[in-house]
Amino acid sequence: MTPEVLVTPDHESLAAAVAARVITGLIDALEARPVAHLCLTGGTIGTDSLAAITASPASTAVDWSRVHIWWSDERFEPTGDPLRNETGARAALLDHVPLNPTQVHPMPAPGGSWGDDVEAAAAAYAAELVSAGDGADSPVFDLLLLGVGPDGHVASLFPGFPEIDAPGTVCGVKGSPKPPPIRISFTLAAINIAREVWLVASGAEKAHAIAAAITSGAASQLPSGMVHGTERTLALLDVSAASELA
């Protein structure tokens, strides 16, 4: 599914646009279903978008007690470590809205019954998805946000790395070319069951990867070109990230 492309003037307006769409999307999802499932991404634009939700008066229109929060990938670092996507998300949004704590589903940190075994930790998160999946391998995510790396990676799925072909819903990543090297990631199969998948990118360093993923034959080689929603796929970009689009 070729993404719909929406371009904003700059980083700040992109964060505001993403925030407004998340709020509207959650309200719509909660009108249609008892709960909503929102899957977050990290990175500067991802975290800034969450902060923009907190700053928006419209966020109070969301019944946050009915929202489940998930992550599509995570650095396998201790809880509270600044490298973790969860840490930034809590500071930017999750600590500021009335979520049900049992409905916030951070990816595992080292420790627990899996210790430093990232594959066992990934299996534990896969089991958590099953427990929320109403008989399926995973809940259907209403909104799944993905940052895009300059190399075209999404989540922690990097071009040319074996995790692109990983089975199931969650995989351990032991050799990420971007530090830290040990991570947990959704597989493509887990991402592509979402109703809406959003590629969110800011900055000129993302422009080549965005153009390749959306408009060229290289899309089949880039993880960012392999993802899609079942109902909608969006590329939410600032002008710089969109600068190489035709």
C-alpha atoms as a PDB file:
ATOM      1  CA  MET A   1       0.000   0.000   0.000  1.00  0.00           C
ATOM      2  CA  THR A   2       1.617   3.245  -1.156  1.00  0.00           C
ATOM      3  CA  PRO A   3       1.600   5.736   1.708  1.00  0.00           C
ATOM      4  CA  GLU A   4      -0.417   8.907   1.639  1.00  0.00           C
ATOM      5  CA  VAL A   5       2.112  11.722   2.030  1.00  0.00           C
ATOM      6  CA  LEU A   6       1.423  14.687   4.291  1.00  0.00           C
ATOM      7  CA  VAL A   7       4.072  17.414   4.549  1.00  0.00           C
ATOM      8  CA  THR A   8       4.401  20.112   7.208  1.00  0.00           C
ATOM      9  CA  PRO A   9       6.704  23.152   7.161  1.00  0.00           C
ATOM     10  CA  ASP A  10       9.106  22.140   9.922  1.00  0.00           C
ATOM     11  CA  HIS A  11       9.880  19.793  12.811  1.00  0.00           C
ATOM     12  CA  GLU A  12       7.685  21.610  15.327  1.00  0.00           C
ATOM     13  CA  SER A  13       4.641  21.679  13.056  1.00  0.00           C
ATOM     14  CA  LEU A  14       5.177  18.014  12.247  1.00  0.00           C
ATOM     15  CA  ALA A  15       5.119  17.099  15.945  1.00  0.00           C
ATOM     16  CA  ALA A  16       1.930  19.122  16.371  1.00  0.00           C
ATOM     17  CA  ALA A  17       0.319  17.465  13.337  1.00  0.00           C
ATOM     18  CA  VAL A  18       1.203  13.981  14.550  1.00  0.00           C
ATOM     19  CA  ALA A  19      -0.171  14.821  17.998  1.00  0.00           C
ATOM     20  CA  ALA A  20      -3.460  16.102  16.586  1.00  0.00           C
ATOM     21  CA  ARG A  21      -3.880  13.008  14.433  1.00  0.00           C
ATOM     22  CA  VAL A  22      -3.101  10.654  17.324  1.00  0.00           C
ATOM     23  CA  ILE A  23      -5.713  12.356  19.479  1.00  0.00           C
ATOM     24  CA  THR A  24      -8.331  12.216  16.714  1.00  0.00           C
ATOM     25  CA  GLY A  25      -7.407   8.634  15.851  1.00  0.00           C
ATOM     26  CA  LEU A  26      -7.776   7.463  19.438  1.00  0.00           C
ATOM     27  CA  ILE A  27     -11.124   9.206  19.847  1.00  0.00           C
ATOM     28  CA  ASP A  28     -12.377   7.548  16.653  1.00  0.00           C
ATOM     29  CA  ALA A  29     -11.053   4.137  17.714  1.00  0.00           C
ATOM     30  CA  LEU A  30     -12.713   4.388  21.126  1.00  0.00           C
ATOM     31  CA  GLU A  31     -16.017   5.285  19.521  1.00  0.00           C
ATOM     32  CA  ALA A  32     -15.808   2.069  17.492  1.00  0.00           C
ATOM     33  CA  ARG A  33     -14.351  -0.358  20.044  1.00  0.00           C
ATOM     34  CA  PRO A  34     -14.121  -0.839  23.826  1.00  0.00           C
ATOM     35  CA  VAL A  35     -10.365  -0.210  23.883  1.00  0.00           C
ATOM     36  CA  ALA A  36      -7.747   1.294  21.578  1.00  0.00           C
ATOM     37  CA  HIS A  37      -4.223   0.048  20.961  1.00  0.00           C
ATOM     38  CA  LEU A  38      -1.534   2.670  20.286  1.00  0.00           C
ATOM     39  CA  CYS A  39       1.989   1.588  19.367  1.00  0.00           C
ATOM     40  CA  LEU A  40       4.698   4.188  19.949  1.00  0.00           C
ATOM     41  CA  THR A  41       8.049   4.926  18.375  1.00  0.00           C
ATOM     42  CA  GLY A  42      11.106   6.640  19.816  1.00  0.00           C
ATOM     43  CA  GLY A  43      13.560   9.135  18.366  1.00  0.00           C
ATOM     44  CA  THR A  44      13.442  12.907  18.525  1.00  0.00           C
ATOM     45  CA  ILE A  45      10.324  13.400  16.417  1.00  0.00           C
ATOM     46  CA  GLY A  46       8.536  10.512  18.107  1.00  0.00           C
ATOM     47  CA  THR A  47       9.158  11.886  21.582  1.00  0.00           C
ATOM     48  CA  ASP A  48       8.424  15.477  20.549  1.00  0.00           C
ATOM     49  CA  SER A  49       5.101  14.318  19.102  1.00  0.00           C
ATOM     50  CA  LEU A  50       4.201  12.744  22.443  1.00  0.00           C
ATOM     51  CA  ALA A  51       5.070  15.979  24.234  1.00  0.00           C
ATOM     52  CA  ALA A  52       2.799  17.826  21.796  1.00  0.00           C
ATOM     53  CA  ILE A  53      -0.063  15.500  22.786  1.00  0.00           C
ATOM     54  CA  THR A  54       0.511  16.407  26.435  1.00  0.00           C
ATOM     55  CA  ALA A  55       0.506  20.112  25.540  1.00  0.00           C
ATOM     56  CA  SER A  56      -2.719  19.892  23.525  1.00  0.00           C
ATOM     57  CA  PRO A  57      -5.951  20.770  25.366  1.00  0.00           C
ATOM     58  CA  ALA A  58      -7.680  18.269  23.050  1.00  0.00           C
ATOM     59  CA  SER A  59      -5.871  15.391  24.758  1.00  0.00           C
ATOM     60  CA  THR A  60      -8.421  15.541  27.573  1.00  0.00           C
ATOM     61  CA  ALA A  61     -11.056  14.339  25.091  1.00  0.00           C
ATOM     62  CA  VAL A  62      -9.337  10.925  24.976  1.00  0.00           C
ATOM     63  CA  ASP A  63     -10.506   8.351  27.513  1.00  0.00           C
ATOM     64  CA  TRP A  64      -6.965   7.290  28.339  1.00  0.00           C
ATOM     65  CA  SER A  65      -8.202   4.620  30.752  1.00  0.00           C
ATOM     66  CA  ARG A  66      -9.280   2.613  27.689  1.00  0.00           C
ATOM     67  CA  VAL A  67      -6.006   2.981  25.766  1.00  0.00           C
ATOM     68  CA  HIS A  68      -3.335   0.276  25.635  1.00  0.00           C
ATOM     69  CA  ILE A  69       0.213   1.496  24.979  1.00  0.00           C
ATOM     70  CA  TRP A  70       2.771  -0.659  23.145  1.00  0.00           C
ATOM     71  CA  TRP A  71       6.200  -0.173  21.578  1.00  0.00           C
ATOM     72  CA  SER A  72       7.410  -1.471  18.211  1.00  0.00           C
ATOM     73  CA  ASP A  73      11.011  -1.655  19.387  1.00  0.00           C
ATOM     74  CA  GLU A  74      13.196  -0.982  22.381  1.00  0.00           C
ATOM     75  CA  ARG A  75      16.846  -0.789  23.368  1.00  0.00           C
ATOM     76  CA  PHE A  76      17.616  -3.712  25.688  1.00  0.00           C
ATOM     77  CA  GLU A  77      18.794  -1.450  28.481  1.00  0.00           C
ATOM     78  CA  PRO A  78      17.785  -1.209  32.160  1.00  0.00           C
ATOM     79  CA  THR A  79      14.428   0.296  33.089  1.00  0.00           C
ATOM     80  CA  GLY A  80      14.755   4.066  33.356  1.00  0.00           C
ATOM     81  CA  ASP A  81      17.853   4.222  31.149  1.00  0.00           C
ATOM     82  CA  PRO A  82      17.734   7.352  28.943  1.00  0.00           C
ATOM     83  CA  LEU A  83      18.437   5.201  25.881  1.00  0.00           C
ATOM     84  CA  ARG A  84      15.098   3.411  26.251  1.00  0.00           C
ATOM     85  CA  ASN A  85      12.149   4.624  24.184  1.00  0.00           C
ATOM     86  CA  GLU A  86       9.952   3.937  27.199  1.00  0.00           C
ATOM     87  CA  THR A  87      11.875   6.444  29.317  1.00  0.00           C
ATOM     88  CA  GLY A  88      11.301   9.307  26.901  1.00  0.00           C
ATOM     89  CA  ALA A  89       7.672   8.352  26.340  1.00  0.00           C
ATOM     90  CA  ARG A  90       6.914   8.371  30.054  1.00  0.00           C
ATOM     91  CA  ALA A  91       8.478  11.792  30.531  1.00  0.00           C
ATOM     92  CA  ALA A  92       6.808  13.279  27.449  1.00  0.00           C
ATOM     93  CA  LEU A  93       3.304  11.811  27.721  1.00  0.00           C
ATOM     94  CA  LEU A  94       2.586   8.719  29.769  1.00  0.00           C
ATOM     95  CA  ASP A  95       3.225  10.295  33.176  1.00  0.00           C
ATOM     96  CA  HIS A  96       0.839  13.135  32.300  1.00  0.00           C
ATOM     97  CA  VAL A  97      -2.350  11.342  31.233  1.00  0.00           C
ATOM     98  CA  PRO A  98      -4.662   9.072  33.262  1.00  0.00           C
ATOM     99  CA  LEU A  99      -3.642   5.723  31.797  1.00  0.00           C
ATOM    100  CA  ASN A 100      -4.425   2.418  33.458  1.00  0.00           C
ATOM    101  CA  PRO A 101      -0.920   1.224  34.459  1.00  0.00           C
ATOM    102  CA  THR A 102      -1.817  -2.365  33.600  1.00  0.00           C
ATOM    103  CA  GLN A 103      -2.482  -1.254  30.026  1.00  0.00           C
ATOM    104  CA  VAL A 104       1.006   0.167  29.494  1.00  0.00           C
ATOM    105  CA  HIS A 105       3.128  -2.567  27.958  1.00  0.00           C
ATOM    106  CA  PRO A 106       6.838  -1.662  27.919  1.00  0.00           C
ATOM    107  CA  MET A 107       9.202  -4.061  26.218  1.00  0.00           C
ATOM    108  CA  PRO A 108      11.348  -6.014  28.680  1.00  0.00           C
ATOM    109  CA  ALA A 109      14.550  -4.684  30.182  1.00  0.00           C
ATOM    110  CA  PRO A 110      17.423  -6.961  31.197  1.00  0.00           C
ATOM    111  CA  GLY A 111      16.681  -8.949  34.322  1.00  0.00           C
ATOM    112  CA  GLY A 112      13.622 -10.880  35.374  1.00  0.00           C
ATOM    113  CA  SER A 113      13.330 -14.515  34.414  1.00  0.00           C
ATOM    114  CA  TRP A 114      15.226 -13.911  31.140  1.00  0.00           C
ATOM    115  CA  GLY A 115      18.287 -12.176  32.569  1.00  0.00           C
ATOM    116  CA  ASP A 116      20.414 -10.896  29.691  1.00  0.00           C
ATOM    117  CA  ASP A 117      18.865 -13.274  27.129  1.00  0.00           C
ATOM    118  CA  VAL A 118      17.290 -10.909  24.616  1.00  0.00           C
ATOM    119  CA  GLU A 119      15.616 -13.748  22.705  1.00  0.00           C
ATOM    120  CA  ALA A 120      13.875 -14.908  25.883  1.00  0.00           C
ATOM    121  CA  ALA A 121      12.839 -11.311  26.594  1.00  0.00           C
ATOM    122  CA  ALA A 122      11.442 -10.995  23.066  1.00  0.00           C
ATOM    123  CA  ALA A 123       9.481 -14.226  23.600  1.00  0.00           C
ATOM    124  CA  ALA A 124       8.052 -12.772  26.802  1.00  0.00           C
ATOM    125  CA  TYR A 125       6.775  -9.722  24.918  1.00  0.00           C
ATOM    126  CA  ALA A 126       5.321 -11.959  22.214  1.00  0.00           C
ATOM    127  CA  ALA A 127       3.438 -13.799  24.965  1.00  0.00           C
ATOM    128  CA  GLU A 128       2.136 -10.473  26.281  1.00  0.00           C
ATOM    129  CA  LEU A 129       0.821  -9.672  22.803  1.00  0.00           C
ATOM    130  CA  VAL A 130      -0.967 -13.023  22.739  1.00  0.00           C
ATOM    131  CA  SER A 131      -2.552 -12.325  26.119  1.00  0.00           C
ATOM    132  CA  ALA A 132      -4.079  -9.128  24.704  1.00  0.00           C
ATOM    133  CA  GLY A 133      -4.923 -10.601  21.316  1.00  0.00           C
ATOM    134  CA  ASP A 134      -8.385 -12.096  21.947  1.00  0.00           C
ATOM    135  CA  GLY A 135      -7.302 -15.433  20.540  1.00  0.00           C
ATOM    136  CA  ALA A 136      -4.890 -13.998  17.956  1.00  0.00           C
ATOM    137  CA  ASP A 137      -1.115 -13.651  18.112  1.00  0.00           C
ATOM    138  CA  SER A 138      -1.487  -9.928  18.789  1.00  0.00           C
ATOM    139  CA  PRO A 139      -4.083  -7.230  19.305  1.00  0.00           C
ATOM    140  CA  VAL A 140      -4.854  -5.206  16.204  1.00  0.00           C
ATOM    141  CA  PHE A 141      -3.112  -1.867  16.688  1.00  0.00           C
ATOM    142  CA  ASP A 142      -5.321   1.090  15.823  1.00  0.00           C
ATOM    143  CA  LEU A 143      -2.326   3.384  15.288  1.00  0.00           C
ATOM    144  CA  LEU A 144       1.276   2.234  14.904  1.00  0.00           C
ATOM    145  CA  LEU A 145       3.892   4.975  14.634  1.00  0.00           C
ATOM    146  CA  LEU A 146       7.316   4.347  13.139  1.00  0.00           C
ATOM    147  CA  GLY A 147      10.346   6.567  12.891  1.00  0.00           C
ATOM    148  CA  VAL A 148      12.506   6.162   9.787  1.00  0.00           C
ATOM    149  CA  GLY A 149      16.285   6.020   9.927  1.00  0.00           C
ATOM    150  CA  PRO A 150      18.567   7.556   7.281  1.00  0.00           C
ATOM    151  CA  ASP A 151      19.246   3.994   6.094  1.00  0.00           C
ATOM    152  CA  GLY A 152      15.530   3.234   5.784  1.00  0.00           C
ATOM    153  CA  HIS A 153      15.205   1.164   8.945  1.00  0.00           C
ATOM    154  CA  VAL A 154      12.008   1.110  10.970  1.00  0.00           C
ATOM    155  CA  ALA A 155      11.611  -0.234  14.506  1.00  0.00           C
ATOM    156  CA  SER A 156      14.922  -2.132  14.856  1.00  0.00           C
ATOM    157  CA  LEU A 157      14.656  -3.792  11.452  1.00  0.00           C
ATOM    158  CA  PHE A 158      17.709  -2.758   9.432  1.00  0.00           C
ATOM    159  CA  PRO A 159      18.276  -3.189   5.687  1.00  0.00           C
ATOM    160  CA  GLY A 160      20.103  -6.410   4.892  1.00  0.00           C
ATOM    161  CA  PHE A 161      19.870  -7.803   8.425  1.00  0.00           C
ATOM    162  CA  PRO A 162      18.212 -11.162   9.132  1.00  0.00           C
ATOM    163  CA  GLU A 163      15.557  -9.745  11.457  1.00  0.00           C
ATOM    164  CA  ILE A 164      13.679  -8.547   8.350  1.00  0.00           C
ATOM    165  CA  ASP A 165      12.739 -12.195   7.766  1.00  0.00           C
ATOM    166  CA  ALA A 166      12.154 -13.091  11.411  1.00  0.00           C
ATOM    167  CA  PRO A 167       9.076 -15.229  12.085  1.00  0.00           C
ATOM    168  CA  GLY A 168       6.453 -14.507  14.689  1.00  0.00           C
ATOM    169  CA  THR A 169       5.692 -11.106  16.154  1.00  0.00           C
ATOM    170  CA  VAL A 170       8.767 -10.126  18.207  1.00  0.00           C
ATOM    171  CA  CYS A 171      12.458 -10.797  17.717  1.00  0.00           C
ATOM    172  CA  GLY A 172      15.710 -10.146  19.527  1.00  0.00           C
ATOM    173  CA  VAL A 173      18.278  -8.007  17.722  1.00  0.00           C
ATOM    174  CA  LYS A 174      21.895  -8.719  18.619  1.00  0.00           C
ATOM    175  CA  GLY A 175      23.849  -6.763  16.033  1.00  0.00           C
ATOM    176  CA  SER A 176      22.147  -3.448  15.427  1.00  0.00           C
ATOM    177  CA  PRO A 177      24.400  -1.214  13.285  1.00  0.00           C
ATOM    178  CA  LYS A 178      23.096   1.706  15.338  1.00  0.00           C
ATOM    179  CA  PRO A 179      24.068   1.587  19.016  1.00  0.00           C
ATOM    180  CA  PRO A 180      23.162   0.089  21.325  1.00  0.00           C
ATOM    181  CA  PRO A 181      23.528  -3.225  19.489  1.00  0.00           C
ATOM    182  CA  ILE A 182      21.104  -5.288  21.597  1.00  0.00           C
ATOM    183  CA  ARG A 183      17.422  -4.543  21.037  1.00  0.00           C
ATOM    184  CA  ILE A 184      13.935  -6.011  20.829  1.00  0.00           C
ATOM    185  CA  SER A 185      11.779  -5.374  17.781  1.00  0.00           C
ATOM    186  CA  PHE A 186       8.431  -6.143  16.261  1.00  0.00           C
ATOM    187  CA  THR A 187       8.705  -8.205  13.111  1.00  0.00           C
ATOM    188  CA  LEU A 188       7.241  -7.016   9.817  1.00  0.00           C
ATOM    189  CA  ALA A 189       4.317  -9.380  10.398  1.00  0.00           C
ATOM    190  CA  ALA A 190       3.471  -7.684  13.702  1.00  0.00           C
ATOM    191  CA  ILE A 191       3.687  -4.201  12.204  1.00  0.00           C
ATOM    192  CA  ASN A 192       1.599  -4.986   9.154  1.00  0.00           C
ATOM    193  CA  ILE A 193      -1.486  -6.115  11.078  1.00  0.00           C
ATOM    194  CA  ALA A 194      -2.060  -2.544  12.320  1.00  0.00           C
ATOM    195  CA  ARG A 195      -5.074  -0.704  11.006  1.00  0.00           C
ATOM    196  CA  GLU A 196      -2.961   2.400  10.406  1.00  0.00           C
ATOM    197  CA  VAL A 197       0.820   2.549  10.055  1.00  0.00           C
ATOM    198  CA  TRP A 198       2.446   5.979  10.093  1.00  0.00           C
ATOM    199  CA  LEU A 199       5.981   6.698   8.937  1.00  0.00           C
ATOM    200  CA  VAL A 200       7.078   9.840  10.778  1.00  0.00           C
ATOM    201  CA  ALA A 201      10.272  11.555   9.626  1.00  0.00           C
ATOM    202  CA  SER A 202      11.908  14.923  10.160  1.00  0.00           C
ATOM    203  CA  GLY A 203      15.148  16.290   8.728  1.00  0.00           C
ATOM    204  CA  ALA A 204      17.090  16.314   5.478  1.00  0.00           C
ATOM    205  CA  GLU A 205      19.138  13.263   6.519  1.00  0.00           C
ATOM    206  CA  LYS A 206      15.944  11.185   6.133  1.00  0.00           C
ATOM    207  CA  ALA A 207      15.072  12.502   2.653  1.00  0.00           C
ATOM    208  CA  HIS A 208      16.872   9.878   0.572  1.00  0.00           C
ATOM    209  CA  ALA A 209      15.462   6.972   2.581  1.00  0.00           C
ATOM    210  CA  ILE A 210      11.946   8.418   2.410  1.00  0.00           C
ATOM    211  CA  ALA A 211      12.134   8.898  -1.364  1.00  0.00           C
ATOM    212  CA  ALA A 212      13.520   5.399  -1.872  1.00  0.00           C
ATOM    213  CA  ALA A 213      10.905   3.769   0.334  1.00  0.00           C
ATOM    214  CA  ILE A 214       7.950   5.578  -1.193  1.00  0.00           C
ATOM    215  CA  THR A 215       8.738   6.156  -4.846  1.00  0.00           C
ATOM    216  CA  SER A 216      11.490   3.870  -6.142  1.00  0.00           C
ATOM    217  CA  GLY A 217      12.179   0.233  -6.804  1.00  0.00           C
ATOM    218  CA  ALA A 218      14.431   0.260  -3.761  1.00  0.00           C
ATOM    219  CA  ALA A 219      11.319   0.127  -1.596  1.00  0.00           C
ATOM    220  CA  SER A 220      11.355  -3.655  -1.619  1.00  0.00           C
ATOM    221  CA  GLN A 221      14.875  -3.572  -0.127  1.00  0.00           C
ATOM    222  CA  LEU A 222      14.123  -1.116   2.664  1.00  0.00           C
ATOM    223  CA  PRO A 223      12.147  -1.992   5.783  1.00  0.00           C
ATOM    224  CA  SER A 224      10.448   1.420   5.535  1.00  0.00           C
ATOM    225  CA  GLY A 225       9.115   0.327   2.150  1.00  0.00           C
ATOM    226  CA  MET A 226       7.839  -3.002   3.472  1.00  0.00           C
ATOM    227  CA  VAL A 227       5.430  -1.698   6.102  1.00  0.00           C
ATOM    228  CA  HIS A 228       1.786  -0.839   5.656  1.00  0.00           C
ATOM    229  CA  GLY A 229      -1.490  -0.560   7.481  1.00  0.00           C
ATOM    230  CA  THR A 230      -4.471  -2.726   6.638  1.00  0.00           C
ATOM    231  CA  GLU A 231      -6.665   0.361   6.335  1.00  0.00           C
ATOM    232  CA  ARG A 232      -4.244   3.259   5.872  1.00  0.00           C
ATOM    233  CA  THR A 233      -0.554   3.995   5.493  1.00  0.00           C
ATOM    234  CA  LEU A 234       0.673   7.549   6.091  1.00  0.00           C
ATOM    235  CA  ALA A 235       4.019   9.256   5.629  1.00  0.00           C
ATOM    236  CA  LEU A 236       4.033  12.282   7.920  1.00  0.00           C
ATOM    237  CA  LEU A 237       7.021  14.434   7.000  1.00  0.00           C
ATOM    238  CA  ASP A 238       8.474  17.872   7.368  1.00  0.00           C
ATOM    239  CA  VAL A 239       9.656  19.733   4.276  1.00  0.00           C
ATOM    240  CA  SER A 240      13.240  18.633   4.745  1.00  0.00           C
ATOM    241  CA  ALA A 241      12.395  14.935   4.961  1.00  0.00           C
ATOM    242  CA  ALA A 242      10.174  15.269   1.895  1.00  0.00           C
ATOM    243  CA  SER A 243      12.720  17.192  -0.158  1.00  0.00           C
ATOM    244  CA  GLU A 244      13.629  14.325  -2.498  1.00  0.00           C
ATOM    245  CA  LEU A 245      10.077  13.284  -3.298  1.00  0.00           C
ATOM    246  CA  ALA A 246       9.024  13.961  -6.873  1.00  0.00           C
END
